[in-house]
Amino acid sequence: MTVDRDVIEAHDQVQPDEVSRVTVVAYAVAAALLVGWFLFGWLVLRQGFVDSVGESAGAGFALLLIISVVGTVRRSRR
């Protein structure tokens, strides 16, 4: 039982990594581009609403996948 408590206490003392301002700005820019892509498809190209939502959601998920892979590669090098 004390081993579990020691591990839990050691885990609680570790500070999480802070997110930099550059990362927050990059996520905000990506979100704005995805909203712009949705509006461009819906209003300019006159696609259907559901098609535009699906296209921008697919682009968003692809972007998240790329970010995940890059983050995994960066953490594995540490």
N, C-alpha and C. Protein backbone atom coordinates (compact mmCIF):
# COMPACT_ATOMS: atom_id res chain seq x y z
N MET A 1 0.82 -1.19 0.00
CA MET A 1 0.00 0.00 0.00
C MET A 1 0.87 1.26 0.00
N THR A 2 1.97 1.24 0.70
CA THR A 2 2.82 2.44 0.71
C THR A 2 3.48 2.67 -0.64
N VAL A 3 3.74 1.59 -1.37
CA VAL A 3 4.33 1.76 -2.69
C VAL A 3 3.37 2.52 -3.59
N ASP A 4 2.08 2.16 -3.53
CA ASP A 4 1.09 2.86 -4.33
C ASP A 4 1.02 4.34 -3.94
N ARG A 5 1.05 4.62 -2.66
CA ARG A 5 0.98 6.01 -2.22
C ARG A 5 2.20 6.78 -2.66
N ASP A 6 3.38 6.16 -2.61
CA ASP A 6 4.59 6.84 -3.05
C ASP A 6 4.52 7.17 -4.53
N VAL A 7 4.03 6.24 -5.31
CA VAL A 7 3.92 6.47 -6.76
C VAL A 7 2.90 7.56 -7.04
N ILE A 8 1.78 7.54 -6.35
CA ILE A 8 0.75 8.56 -6.57
C ILE A 8 1.26 9.93 -6.16
N GLU A 9 1.96 10.01 -5.02
CA GLU A 9 2.49 11.30 -4.58
C GLU A 9 3.55 11.81 -5.54
N ALA A 10 4.39 10.92 -6.04
CA ALA A 10 5.42 11.35 -7.00
C ALA A 10 4.77 11.81 -8.30
N HIS A 11 3.69 11.15 -8.70
CA HIS A 11 3.00 11.53 -9.93
C HIS A 11 2.30 12.88 -9.77
N ASP A 12 1.76 13.15 -8.58
CA ASP A 12 1.06 14.41 -8.35
C ASP A 12 2.01 15.59 -8.33
N GLN A 13 3.28 15.39 -8.01
CA GLN A 13 4.22 16.48 -7.91
C GLN A 13 4.75 16.93 -9.27
N VAL A 14 4.59 16.13 -10.29
CA VAL A 14 5.09 16.47 -11.62
C VAL A 14 4.20 17.56 -12.22
N GLN A 15 4.82 18.65 -12.65
CA GLN A 15 4.10 19.76 -13.26
C GLN A 15 3.85 19.46 -14.74
N PRO A 16 2.65 19.68 -15.22
CA PRO A 16 2.39 19.46 -16.65
C PRO A 16 3.09 20.50 -17.50
N ASP A 17 3.38 20.13 -18.74
CA ASP A 17 4.01 21.06 -19.67
C ASP A 17 3.02 22.17 -20.01
N GLU A 18 3.50 23.41 -20.00
CA GLU A 18 2.64 24.53 -20.35
C GLU A 18 2.60 24.67 -21.87
N VAL A 19 1.49 25.15 -22.35
CA VAL A 19 1.32 25.37 -23.78
C VAL A 19 1.83 26.77 -24.10
N SER A 20 2.69 26.86 -25.10
CA SER A 20 3.27 28.15 -25.44
C SER A 20 2.25 29.02 -26.18
N ARG A 21 2.53 30.31 -26.21
CA ARG A 21 1.64 31.24 -26.90
C ARG A 21 1.63 30.97 -28.40
N VAL A 22 2.76 30.54 -28.92
CA VAL A 22 2.84 30.25 -30.35
C VAL A 22 1.88 29.11 -30.71
N THR A 23 1.80 28.10 -29.84
CA THR A 23 0.91 26.98 -30.09
C THR A 23 -0.55 27.42 -30.05
N VAL A 24 -0.90 28.25 -29.09
CA VAL A 24 -2.27 28.74 -28.98
C VAL A 24 -2.63 29.58 -30.20
N VAL A 25 -1.71 30.43 -30.64
CA VAL A 25 -1.96 31.26 -31.83
C VAL A 25 -2.10 30.38 -33.07
N ALA A 26 -1.26 29.34 -33.17
CA ALA A 26 -1.34 28.43 -34.32
C ALA A 26 -2.68 27.70 -34.35
N TYR A 27 -3.16 27.26 -33.18
CA TYR A 27 -4.48 26.61 -33.13
C TYR A 27 -5.60 27.58 -33.50
N ALA A 28 -5.49 28.82 -33.06
CA ALA A 28 -6.51 29.82 -33.39
C ALA A 28 -6.51 30.12 -34.89
N VAL A 29 -5.33 30.21 -35.49
CA VAL A 29 -5.24 30.43 -36.93
C VAL A 29 -5.82 29.25 -37.70
N ALA A 30 -5.51 28.03 -37.24
CA ALA A 30 -6.04 26.83 -37.91
C ALA A 30 -7.57 26.79 -37.80
N ALA A 31 -8.11 27.15 -36.64
CA ALA A 31 -9.56 27.18 -36.48
C ALA A 31 -10.20 28.22 -37.39
N ALA A 32 -9.57 29.40 -37.49
CA ALA A 32 -10.10 30.44 -38.37
C ALA A 32 -10.05 30.00 -39.83
N LEU A 33 -8.98 29.33 -40.23
CA LEU A 33 -8.89 28.83 -41.61
C LEU A 33 -9.95 27.76 -41.89
N LEU A 34 -10.22 26.90 -40.91
CA LEU A 34 -11.25 25.88 -41.11
C LEU A 34 -12.64 26.51 -41.22
N VAL A 35 -12.91 27.52 -40.42
CA VAL A 35 -14.20 28.22 -40.53
C VAL A 35 -14.27 28.94 -41.88
N GLY A 36 -13.18 29.54 -42.30
CA GLY A 36 -13.15 30.19 -43.61
C GLY A 36 -13.35 29.20 -44.74
N TRP A 37 -12.75 28.01 -44.60
CA TRP A 37 -12.92 26.97 -45.62
C TRP A 37 -14.38 26.52 -45.70
N PHE A 38 -15.01 26.39 -44.52
CA PHE A 38 -16.43 26.04 -44.49
C PHE A 38 -17.27 27.10 -45.18
N LEU A 39 -17.04 28.36 -44.84
CA LEU A 39 -17.83 29.44 -45.44
C LEU A 39 -17.57 29.58 -46.94
N PHE A 40 -16.34 29.37 -47.35
CA PHE A 40 -16.01 29.43 -48.78
C PHE A 40 -16.77 28.34 -49.55
N GLY A 41 -16.76 27.13 -49.03
CA GLY A 41 -17.46 26.04 -49.71
C GLY A 41 -18.97 26.23 -49.72
N TRP A 42 -19.50 26.75 -48.62
CA TRP A 42 -20.95 26.88 -48.50
C TRP A 42 -21.48 28.07 -49.28
N LEU A 43 -20.82 29.22 -49.16
CA LEU A 43 -21.36 30.44 -49.75
C LEU A 43 -20.83 30.75 -51.14
N VAL A 44 -19.56 30.46 -51.39
CA VAL A 44 -18.97 30.81 -52.68
C VAL A 44 -19.17 29.69 -53.69
N LEU A 45 -18.79 28.47 -53.28
CA LEU A 45 -18.93 27.35 -54.20
C LEU A 45 -20.34 26.79 -54.25
N ARG A 46 -21.19 27.23 -53.34
CA ARG A 46 -22.60 26.83 -53.26
C ARG A 46 -22.77 25.31 -53.11
N GLN A 47 -21.88 24.74 -52.29
CA GLN A 47 -22.07 23.34 -51.91
C GLN A 47 -23.20 23.30 -50.89
N GLY A 48 -23.66 22.11 -50.59
CA GLY A 48 -24.65 21.99 -49.55
C GLY A 48 -24.03 22.25 -48.19
N PHE A 49 -24.89 22.57 -47.22
CA PHE A 49 -24.41 22.85 -45.88
C PHE A 49 -23.70 21.63 -45.28
N VAL A 50 -24.31 20.47 -45.43
CA VAL A 50 -23.74 19.25 -44.87
C VAL A 50 -22.43 18.90 -45.56
N ASP A 51 -22.35 19.09 -46.86
CA ASP A 51 -21.10 18.84 -47.58
C ASP A 51 -19.99 19.76 -47.10
N SER A 52 -20.31 21.02 -46.87
CA SER A 52 -19.31 21.96 -46.40
C SER A 52 -18.85 21.63 -44.98
N VAL A 53 -19.79 21.24 -44.13
CA VAL A 53 -19.42 20.83 -42.77
C VAL A 53 -18.53 19.60 -42.82
N GLY A 54 -18.89 18.63 -43.65
CA GLY A 54 -18.09 17.41 -43.75
C GLY A 54 -16.70 17.67 -44.30
N GLU A 55 -16.61 18.54 -45.26
CA GLU A 55 -15.31 18.85 -45.85
C GLU A 55 -14.40 19.56 -44.86
N SER A 56 -14.94 20.54 -44.15
CA SER A 56 -14.12 21.25 -43.18
C SER A 56 -13.80 20.37 -41.97
N ALA A 57 -14.72 19.51 -41.57
CA ALA A 57 -14.44 18.59 -40.46
C ALA A 57 -13.36 17.58 -40.86
N GLY A 58 -13.42 17.10 -42.08
CA GLY A 58 -12.38 16.19 -42.57
C GLY A 58 -11.02 16.85 -42.61
N ALA A 59 -10.99 18.10 -43.04
CA ALA A 59 -9.72 18.83 -43.06
C ALA A 59 -9.22 19.05 -41.64
N GLY A 60 -10.12 19.32 -40.71
CA GLY A 60 -9.74 19.51 -39.31
C GLY A 60 -9.18 18.24 -38.70
N PHE A 61 -9.83 17.10 -38.98
CA PHE A 61 -9.33 15.83 -38.45
C PHE A 61 -7.99 15.46 -39.07
N ALA A 62 -7.81 15.75 -40.33
CA ALA A 62 -6.51 15.49 -40.96
C ALA A 62 -5.43 16.36 -40.33
N LEU A 63 -5.76 17.61 -40.04
CA LEU A 63 -4.81 18.51 -39.39
C LEU A 63 -4.47 18.01 -37.98
N LEU A 64 -5.48 17.54 -37.23
CA LEU A 64 -5.23 16.98 -35.91
C LEU A 64 -4.35 15.73 -35.97
N LEU A 65 -4.55 14.92 -36.99
CA LEU A 65 -3.72 13.72 -37.16
C LEU A 65 -2.27 14.11 -37.42
N ILE A 66 -2.06 15.09 -38.25
CA ILE A 66 -0.69 15.55 -38.54
C ILE A 66 -0.05 16.11 -37.28
N ILE A 67 -0.80 16.90 -36.52
CA ILE A 67 -0.27 17.46 -35.27
C ILE A 67 0.08 16.34 -34.29
N SER A 68 -0.76 15.33 -34.22
CA SER A 68 -0.50 14.20 -33.32
C SER A 68 0.76 13.45 -33.70
N VAL A 69 0.95 13.20 -34.97
CA VAL A 69 2.14 12.48 -35.43
C VAL A 69 3.40 13.30 -35.16
N VAL A 70 3.35 14.60 -35.45
CA VAL A 70 4.51 15.46 -35.20
C VAL A 70 4.82 15.52 -33.71
N GLY A 71 3.80 15.63 -32.87
CA GLY A 71 4.01 15.66 -31.43
C GLY A 71 4.60 14.36 -30.91
N THR A 72 4.15 13.23 -31.45
CA THR A 72 4.69 11.94 -31.04
C THR A 72 6.16 11.81 -31.43
N VAL A 73 6.50 12.24 -32.62
CA VAL A 73 7.90 12.17 -33.06
C VAL A 73 8.77 13.08 -32.20
N ARG A 74 8.28 14.27 -31.89
CA ARG A 74 9.07 15.19 -31.07
C ARG A 74 9.27 14.66 -29.66
N ARG A 75 8.26 14.05 -29.07
CA ARG A 75 8.40 13.51 -27.71
C ARG A 75 9.29 12.27 -27.68
N SER A 76 9.29 11.49 -28.74
CA SER A 76 10.12 10.29 -28.75
C SER A 76 11.61 10.64 -28.85
N ARG A 77 11.92 11.82 -29.36
CA ARG A 77 13.32 12.24 -29.48
C ARG A 77 13.88 12.79 -28.17
N ARG A 78 13.01 13.09 -27.21
CA ARG A 78 13.48 13.64 -25.93
C ARG A 78 14.08 12.58 -25.07
